[in-house]
Structures are given as C-alpha cells and as structure tokens.
Amino acid sequence: DALNKIDAEITRLEGQIRSLRQLRNNFIPISRFPPEILSKVFLHCHNQDQKSPTSRLTLSWVSRHWRNVALEYPALWTS
C-alpha cells in the first residue's frame, strides 16, 4: 500500500512537471513564431536534409507548438 501511494505521488508530480514545462515553453520566443513562418523554416530544413528520413519527425519533437505546425503542414509530408 505504501508503494502504491508513492507511485501515485510520483505520477502526480510528473504530471505537474510536464504541465510546467509546457507552460514554460510558451515563453520561449520561437514558440511564438506564426505557423506560416515556422512552416517555411521546416520546409527549408527538410529540403536541406532530404537524405535523412527522420528530419521531418525530428522537427516535430522540439515542442508541442512545433509538432502541431509540422503535422498540419502538408508540403512537409508530401515531398
């Protein structure tokens, strides 16, 4: 029972840390770039590194904002 309580507390705290990191990311200037500009940057990066099949995915790992923009930009996934 004690271990279950500790595990539950760890899970709760990890959730809080995740939320705080997301909130913190909102203050980083690159996270406030308009999607139109960020998508052009993504396409440029992809065009420069077409040999790497994971280049498109790597861009989406930076933050939630980047992931949303990357996944919603069809030109990045159709080339």
PDB file of N, CA and C in Angstrom:
ATOM      1  N   ASP A   1       0.824  -1.197   0.000  1.00  0.00           N
ATOM      2  CA  ASP A   1       0.000   0.000   0.000  1.00  0.00           C
ATOM      3  C   ASP A   1       0.867   1.258   0.000  1.00  0.00           C
ATOM      4  N   ALA A   2       1.942   1.239   0.770  1.00  0.00           N
ATOM      5  CA  ALA A   2       2.839   2.403   0.821  1.00  0.00           C
ATOM      6  C   ALA A   2       3.482   2.646  -0.539  1.00  0.00           C
ATOM      7  N   LEU A   3       3.878   1.553  -1.216  1.00  0.00           N
ATOM      8  CA  LEU A   3       4.485   1.700  -2.541  1.00  0.00           C
ATOM      9  C   LEU A   3       3.486   2.259  -3.549  1.00  0.00           C
ATOM     10  N   ASN A   4       2.249   1.840  -3.461  1.00  0.00           N
ATOM     11  CA  ASN A   4       1.222   2.362  -4.363  1.00  0.00           C
ATOM     12  C   ASN A   4       1.009   3.856  -4.159  1.00  0.00           C
ATOM     13  N   LYS A   5       1.027   4.296  -2.918  1.00  0.00           N
ATOM     14  CA  LYS A   5       0.872   5.715  -2.622  1.00  0.00           C
ATOM     15  C   LYS A   5       2.047   6.509  -3.158  1.00  0.00           C
ATOM     16  N   ILE A   6       3.251   5.963  -2.991  1.00  0.00           N
ATOM     17  CA  ILE A   6       4.449   6.632  -3.506  1.00  0.00           C
ATOM     18  C   ILE A   6       4.393   6.712  -5.024  1.00  0.00           C
ATOM     19  N   ASP A   7       4.019   5.609  -5.679  1.00  0.00           N
ATOM     20  CA  ASP A   7       3.913   5.600  -7.135  1.00  0.00           C
ATOM     21  C   ASP A   7       2.863   6.602  -7.623  1.00  0.00           C
ATOM     22  N   ALA A   8       1.760   6.681  -6.913  1.00  0.00           N
ATOM     23  CA  ALA A   8       0.710   7.635  -7.276  1.00  0.00           C
ATOM     24  C   ALA A   8       1.216   9.071  -7.140  1.00  0.00           C
ATOM     25  N   GLU A   9       1.979   9.328  -6.092  1.00  0.00           N
ATOM     26  CA  GLU A   9       2.534  10.672  -5.890  1.00  0.00           C
ATOM     27  C   GLU A   9       3.553  11.005  -6.971  1.00  0.00           C
ATOM     28  N   ILE A  10       4.370  10.042  -7.342  1.00  0.00           N
ATOM     29  CA  ILE A  10       5.339  10.250  -8.425  1.00  0.00           C
ATOM     30  C   ILE A  10       4.612  10.582  -9.720  1.00  0.00           C
ATOM     31  N   THR A  11       3.567   9.840 -10.020  1.00  0.00           N
ATOM     32  CA  THR A  11       2.785  10.083 -11.236  1.00  0.00           C
ATOM     33  C   THR A  11       2.170  11.479 -11.215  1.00  0.00           C
ATOM     34  N   ARG A  12       1.631  11.869 -10.071  1.00  0.00           N
ATOM     35  CA  ARG A  12       1.032  13.208  -9.938  1.00  0.00           C
ATOM     36  C   ARG A  12       2.071  14.292 -10.152  1.00  0.00           C
ATOM     37  N   LEU A  13       3.243  14.133  -9.528  1.00  0.00           N
ATOM     38  CA  LEU A  13       4.301  15.134  -9.654  1.00  0.00           C
ATOM     39  C   LEU A  13       4.855  15.198 -11.079  1.00  0.00           C
ATOM     40  N   GLU A  14       4.966  14.048 -11.731  1.00  0.00           N
ATOM     41  CA  GLU A  14       5.427  14.043 -13.122  1.00  0.00           C
ATOM     42  C   GLU A  14       4.446  14.796 -14.016  1.00  0.00           C
ATOM     43  N   GLY A  15       3.161  14.649 -13.743  1.00  0.00           N
ATOM     44  CA  GLY A  15       2.149  15.394 -14.490  1.00  0.00           C
ATOM     45  C   GLY A  15       2.283  16.891 -14.280  1.00  0.00           C
ATOM     46  N   GLN A  16       2.554  17.294 -13.056  1.00  0.00           N
ATOM     47  CA  GLN A  16       2.750  18.712 -12.763  1.00  0.00           C
ATOM     48  C   GLN A  16       3.995  19.248 -13.456  1.00  0.00           C
ATOM     49  N   ILE A  17       5.056  18.462 -13.442  1.00  0.00           N
ATOM     50  CA  ILE A  17       6.296  18.881 -14.112  1.00  0.00           C
ATOM     51  C   ILE A  17       6.048  19.030 -15.611  1.00  0.00           C
ATOM     52  N   ARG A  18       5.340  18.080 -16.208  1.00  0.00           N
ATOM     53  CA  ARG A  18       5.020  18.152 -17.635  1.00  0.00           C
ATOM     54  C   ARG A  18       4.221  19.420 -17.942  1.00  0.00           C
ATOM     55  N   SER A  19       3.243  19.725 -17.110  1.00  0.00           N
ATOM     56  CA  SER A  19       2.434  20.933 -17.303  1.00  0.00           C
ATOM     57  C   SER A  19       3.270  22.194 -17.176  1.00  0.00           C
ATOM     58  N   LEU A  20       4.164  22.218 -16.205  1.00  0.00           N
ATOM     59  CA  LEU A  20       5.027  23.385 -16.020  1.00  0.00           C
ATOM     60  C   LEU A  20       5.989  23.557 -17.197  1.00  0.00           C
ATOM     61  N   ARG A  21       6.488  22.462 -17.740  1.00  0.00           N
ATOM     62  CA  ARG A  21       7.372  22.559 -18.907  1.00  0.00           C
ATOM     63  C   ARG A  21       6.620  23.104 -20.111  1.00  0.00           C
ATOM     64  N   GLN A  22       5.387  22.670 -20.301  1.00  0.00           N
ATOM     65  CA  GLN A  22       4.588  23.188 -21.404  1.00  0.00           C
ATOM     66  C   GLN A  22       4.324  24.673 -21.232  1.00  0.00           C
ATOM     67  N   LEU A  23       4.016  25.081 -20.020  1.00  0.00           N
ATOM     68  CA  LEU A  23       3.792  26.490 -19.725  1.00  0.00           C
ATOM     69  C   LEU A  23       5.061  27.297 -19.974  1.00  0.00           C
ATOM     70  N   ARG A  24       6.196  26.756 -19.544  1.00  0.00           N
ATOM     71  CA  ARG A  24       7.492  27.422 -19.742  1.00  0.00           C
ATOM     72  C   ARG A  24       7.784  27.604 -21.225  1.00  0.00           C
ATOM     73  N   ASN A  25       7.455  26.603 -22.039  1.00  0.00           N
ATOM     74  CA  ASN A  25       7.706  26.686 -23.480  1.00  0.00           C
ATOM     75  C   ASN A  25       6.948  27.829 -24.135  1.00  0.00           C
ATOM     76  N   ASN A  26       5.822  28.220 -23.561  1.00  0.00           N
ATOM     77  CA  ASN A  26       5.050  29.326 -24.120  1.00  0.00           C
ATOM     78  C   ASN A  26       5.797  30.652 -24.055  1.00  0.00           C
ATOM     79  N   PHE A  27       6.804  30.755 -23.202  1.00  0.00           N
ATOM     80  CA  PHE A  27       7.554  31.997 -23.051  1.00  0.00           C
ATOM     81  C   PHE A  27       8.804  32.049 -23.924  1.00  0.00           C
ATOM     82  N   ILE A  28       9.131  30.952 -24.586  1.00  0.00           N
ATOM     83  CA  ILE A  28      10.296  30.916 -25.461  1.00  0.00           C
ATOM     84  C   ILE A  28       9.910  31.572 -26.788  1.00  0.00           C
ATOM     85  N   PRO A  29      10.698  32.551 -27.252  1.00  0.00           N
ATOM     86  CA  PRO A  29      10.312  33.299 -28.458  1.00  0.00           C
ATOM     87  C   PRO A  29       9.988  32.427 -29.677  1.00  0.00           C
ATOM     88  N   ILE A  30      10.737  31.361 -29.920  1.00  0.00           N
ATOM     89  CA  ILE A  30      10.477  30.534 -31.103  1.00  0.00           C
ATOM     90  C   ILE A  30       9.105  29.879 -31.028  1.00  0.00           C
ATOM     91  N   SER A  31       8.591  29.704 -29.833  1.00  0.00           N
ATOM     92  CA  SER A  31       7.262  29.111 -29.680  1.00  0.00           C
ATOM     93  C   SER A  31       6.155  30.079 -30.064  1.00  0.00           C
ATOM     94  N   ARG A  32       6.508  31.342 -30.214  1.00  0.00           N
ATOM     95  CA  ARG A  32       5.504  32.332 -30.594  1.00  0.00           C
ATOM     96  C   ARG A  32       5.573  32.692 -32.080  1.00  0.00           C
ATOM     97  N   PHE A  33       6.459  32.021 -32.828  1.00  0.00           N
ATOM     98  CA  PHE A  33       6.519  32.261 -34.266  1.00  0.00           C
ATOM     99  C   PHE A  33       5.191  31.888 -34.891  1.00  0.00           C
ATOM    100  N   PRO A  34       4.709  32.698 -35.809  1.00  0.00           N
ATOM    101  CA  PRO A  34       3.472  32.326 -36.505  1.00  0.00           C
ATOM    102  C   PRO A  34       3.673  31.028 -37.293  1.00  0.00           C
ATOM    103  N   PRO A  35       2.661  30.190 -37.355  1.00  0.00           N
ATOM    104  CA  PRO A  35       2.788  28.925 -38.076  1.00  0.00           C
ATOM    105  C   PRO A  35       3.250  29.088 -39.522  1.00  0.00           C
ATOM    106  N   GLU A  36       2.837  30.167 -40.183  1.00  0.00           N
ATOM    107  CA  GLU A  36       3.218  30.388 -41.581  1.00  0.00           C
ATOM    108  C   GLU A  36       4.733  30.511 -41.723  1.00  0.00           C
ATOM    109  N   ILE A  37       5.371  31.216 -40.811  1.00  0.00           N
ATOM    110  CA  ILE A  37       6.822  31.390 -40.858  1.00  0.00           C
ATOM    111  C   ILE A  37       7.521  30.102 -40.439  1.00  0.00           C
ATOM    112  N   LEU A  38       7.046  29.500 -39.381  1.00  0.00           N
ATOM    113  CA  LEU A  38       7.663  28.274 -38.877  1.00  0.00           C
ATOM    114  C   LEU A  38       7.583  27.153 -39.917  1.00  0.00           C
ATOM    115  N   SER A  39       6.483  27.056 -40.629  1.00  0.00           N
ATOM    116  CA  SER A  39       6.356  26.013 -41.649  1.00  0.00           C
ATOM    117  C   SER A  39       7.349  26.232 -42.780  1.00  0.00           C
ATOM    118  N   LYS A  40       7.629  27.477 -43.126  1.00  0.00           N
ATOM    119  CA  LYS A  40       8.647  27.757 -44.158  1.00  0.00           C
ATOM    120  C   LYS A  40      10.033  27.332 -43.672  1.00  0.00           C
ATOM    121  N   VAL A  41      10.316  27.570 -42.410  1.00  0.00           N
ATOM    122  CA  VAL A  41      11.590  27.133 -41.832  1.00  0.00           C
ATOM    123  C   VAL A  41      11.679  25.615 -41.886  1.00  0.00           C
ATOM    124  N   PHE A  42      10.600  24.929 -41.547  1.00  0.00           N
ATOM    125  CA  PHE A  42      10.579  23.465 -41.578  1.00  0.00           C
ATOM    126  C   PHE A  42      10.863  22.949 -42.980  1.00  0.00           C
ATOM    127  N   LEU A  43      10.199  23.545 -43.963  1.00  0.00           N
ATOM    128  CA  LEU A  43      10.380  23.091 -45.335  1.00  0.00           C
ATOM    129  C   LEU A  43      11.817  23.324 -45.787  1.00  0.00           C
ATOM    130  N   HIS A  44      12.383  24.460 -45.421  1.00  0.00           N
ATOM    131  CA  HIS A  44      13.783  24.743 -45.756  1.00  0.00           C
ATOM    132  C   HIS A  44      14.703  23.707 -45.116  1.00  0.00           C
ATOM    133  N   CYS A  45      14.499  23.416 -43.861  1.00  0.00           N
ATOM    134  CA  CYS A  45      15.330  22.414 -43.167  1.00  0.00           C
ATOM    135  C   CYS A  45      15.190  21.057 -43.832  1.00  0.00           C
ATOM    136  N   HIS A  46      13.976  20.701 -44.175  1.00  0.00           N
ATOM    137  CA  HIS A  46      13.755  19.401 -44.809  1.00  0.00           C
ATOM    138  C   HIS A  46      14.439  19.348 -46.181  1.00  0.00           C
ATOM    139  N   ASN A  47      14.343  20.419 -46.942  1.00  0.00           N
ATOM    140  CA  ASN A  47      14.979  20.452 -48.265  1.00  0.00           C
ATOM    141  C   ASN A  47      16.499  20.362 -48.156  1.00  0.00           C
ATOM    142  N   GLN A  48      17.051  20.854 -47.072  1.00  0.00           N
ATOM    143  CA  GLN A  48      18.495  20.799 -46.868  1.00  0.00           C
ATOM    144  C   GLN A  48      18.957  19.419 -46.422  1.00  0.00           C
ATOM    145  N   ASP A  49      18.068  18.635 -45.847  1.00  0.00           N
ATOM    146  CA  ASP A  49      18.439  17.345 -45.263  1.00  0.00           C
ATOM    147  C   ASP A  49      17.507  16.231 -45.748  1.00  0.00           C
ATOM    148  N   GLN A  50      17.302  16.134 -47.049  1.00  0.00           N
ATOM    149  CA  GLN A  50      16.371  15.135 -47.580  1.00  0.00           C
ATOM    150  C   GLN A  50      16.901  13.711 -47.462  1.00  0.00           C
ATOM    151  N   LYS A  51      18.188  13.552 -47.242  1.00  0.00           N
ATOM    152  CA  LYS A  51      18.751  12.206 -47.121  1.00  0.00           C
ATOM    153  C   LYS A  51      18.338  11.540 -45.818  1.00  0.00           C
ATOM    154  N   SER A  52      17.982  12.332 -44.836  1.00  0.00           N
ATOM    155  CA  SER A  52      17.593  11.787 -43.536  1.00  0.00           C
ATOM    156  C   SER A  52      16.084  11.576 -43.500  1.00  0.00           C
ATOM    157  N   PRO A  53      15.644  10.326 -43.419  1.00  0.00           N
ATOM    158  CA  PRO A  53      14.191  10.086 -43.390  1.00  0.00           C
ATOM    159  C   PRO A  53      13.522  10.593 -42.123  1.00  0.00           C
ATOM    160  N   THR A  54      14.288  10.866 -41.091  1.00  0.00           N
ATOM    161  CA  THR A  54      13.681  11.317 -39.838  1.00  0.00           C
ATOM    162  C   THR A  54      13.715  12.830 -39.670  1.00  0.00           C
ATOM    163  N   SER A  55      14.229  13.572 -40.649  1.00  0.00           N
ATOM    164  CA  SER A  55      14.353  15.020 -40.484  1.00  0.00           C
ATOM    165  C   SER A  55      13.007  15.681 -40.212  1.00  0.00           C
ATOM    166  N   ARG A  56      11.963  15.206 -40.879  1.00  0.00           N
ATOM    167  CA  ARG A  56      10.635  15.796 -40.652  1.00  0.00           C
ATOM    168  C   ARG A  56      10.132  15.495 -39.243  1.00  0.00           C
ATOM    169  N   LEU A  57      10.383  14.296 -38.783  1.00  0.00           N
ATOM    170  CA  LEU A  57       9.933  13.929 -37.443  1.00  0.00           C
ATOM    171  C   LEU A  57      10.724  14.663 -36.373  1.00  0.00           C
ATOM    172  N   THR A  58      12.009  14.817 -36.583  1.00  0.00           N
ATOM    173  CA  THR A  58      12.849  15.489 -35.593  1.00  0.00           C
ATOM    174  C   THR A  58      12.340  16.898 -35.320  1.00  0.00           C
ATOM    175  N   LEU A  59      11.920  17.591 -36.348  1.00  0.00           N
ATOM    176  CA  LEU A  59      11.382  18.941 -36.159  1.00  0.00           C
ATOM    177  C   LEU A  59      10.154  18.925 -35.253  1.00  0.00           C
ATOM    178  N   SER A  60       9.397  17.868 -35.322  1.00  0.00           N
ATOM    179  CA  SER A  60       8.160  17.817 -34.529  1.00  0.00           C
ATOM    180  C   SER A  60       8.405  17.458 -33.067  1.00  0.00           C
ATOM    181  N   TRP A  61       9.630  17.135 -32.696  1.00  0.00           N
ATOM    182  CA  TRP A  61       9.938  16.756 -31.318  1.00  0.00           C
ATOM    183  C   TRP A  61      10.327  17.939 -30.440  1.00  0.00           C
ATOM    184  N   VAL A  62      10.508  19.103 -31.016  1.00  0.00           N
ATOM    185  CA  VAL A  62      11.006  20.247 -30.260  1.00  0.00           C
ATOM    186  C   VAL A  62      10.011  20.719 -29.210  1.00  0.00           C
ATOM    187  N   SER A  63       8.794  20.913 -29.614  1.00  0.00           N
ATOM    188  CA  SER A  63       7.766  21.368 -28.669  1.00  0.00           C
ATOM    189  C   SER A  63       6.393  21.013 -29.236  1.00  0.00           C
ATOM    190  N   ARG A  64       5.393  21.190 -28.430  1.00  0.00           N
ATOM    191  CA  ARG A  64       4.022  20.914 -28.870  1.00  0.00           C
ATOM    192  C   ARG A  64       3.632  21.844 -30.016  1.00  0.00           C
ATOM    193  N   HIS A  65       4.022  23.113 -29.910  1.00  0.00           N
ATOM    194  CA  HIS A  65       3.722  24.090 -30.966  1.00  0.00           C
ATOM    195  C   HIS A  65       4.359  23.645 -32.283  1.00  0.00           C
ATOM    196  N   TRP A  66       5.640  23.263 -32.232  1.00  0.00           N
ATOM    197  CA  TRP A  66       6.336  22.815 -33.440  1.00  0.00           C
ATOM    198  C   TRP A  66       5.673  21.565 -34.001  1.00  0.00           C
ATOM    199  N   ARG A  67       5.303  20.636 -33.133  1.00  0.00           N
ATOM    200  CA  ARG A  67       4.678  19.401 -33.589  1.00  0.00           C
ATOM    201  C   ARG A  67       3.361  19.712 -34.305  1.00  0.00           C
ATOM    202  N   ASN A  68       2.545  20.561 -33.712  1.00  0.00           N
ATOM    203  CA  ASN A  68       1.263  20.913 -34.327  1.00  0.00           C
ATOM    204  C   ASN A  68       1.465  21.558 -35.692  1.00  0.00           C
ATOM    205  N   VAL A  69       2.409  22.486 -35.766  1.00  0.00           N
ATOM    206  CA  VAL A  69       2.672  23.163 -37.040  1.00  0.00           C
ATOM    207  C   VAL A  69       3.187  22.167 -38.073  1.00  0.00           C
ATOM    208  N   ALA A  70       4.141  21.325 -37.678  1.00  0.00           N
ATOM    209  CA  ALA A  70       4.722  20.353 -38.614  1.00  0.00           C
ATOM    210  C   ALA A  70       3.668  19.377 -39.117  1.00  0.00           C
ATOM    211  N   LEU A  71       2.846  18.861 -38.228  1.00  0.00           N
ATOM    212  CA  LEU A  71       1.851  17.878 -38.634  1.00  0.00           C
ATOM    213  C   LEU A  71       0.732  18.469 -39.490  1.00  0.00           C
ATOM    214  N   GLU A  72       0.505  19.763 -39.341  1.00  0.00           N
ATOM    215  CA  GLU A  72      -0.560  20.410 -40.098  1.00  0.00           C
ATOM    216  C   GLU A  72      -0.075  21.064 -41.392  1.00  0.00           C
ATOM    217  N   TYR A  73       1.204  20.854 -41.736  1.00  0.00           N
ATOM    218  CA  TYR A  73       1.769  21.476 -42.931  1.00  0.00           C
ATOM    219  C   TYR A  73       1.965  20.402 -44.009  1.00  0.00           C
ATOM    220  N   PRO A  74       1.021  20.247 -44.936  1.00  0.00           N
ATOM    221  CA  PRO A  74       1.052  19.151 -45.900  1.00  0.00           C
ATOM    222  C   PRO A  74       2.314  19.104 -46.766  1.00  0.00           C
ATOM    223  N   ALA A  75       2.857  20.248 -47.143  1.00  0.00           N
ATOM    224  CA  ALA A  75       4.033  20.259 -48.013  1.00  0.00           C
ATOM    225  C   ALA A  75       5.227  19.565 -47.384  1.00  0.00           C
ATOM    226  N   LEU A  76       5.265  19.536 -46.095  1.00  0.00           N
ATOM    227  CA  LEU A  76       6.373  18.878 -45.401  1.00  0.00           C
ATOM    228  C   LEU A  76       6.275  17.366 -45.534  1.00  0.00           C
ATOM    229  N   TRP A  77       5.092  16.853 -45.720  1.00  0.00           N
ATOM    230  CA  TRP A  77       4.882  15.406 -45.744  1.00  0.00           C
ATOM    231  C   TRP A  77       4.643  14.836 -47.130  1.00  0.00           C
ATOM    232  N   THR A  78       4.484  15.691 -48.118  1.00  0.00           N
ATOM    233  CA  THR A  78       4.191  15.203 -49.471  1.00  0.00           C
ATOM    234  C   THR A  78       5.416  15.144 -50.369  1.00  0.00           C
ATOM    235  N   SER A  79       6.529  15.693 -49.929  1.00  0.00           N
ATOM    236  CA  SER A  79       7.718  15.678 -50.797  1.00  0.00           C
ATOM    237  C   SER A  79       8.561  14.454 -50.540  1.00  0.00           C
TER     238      SER A  79
END
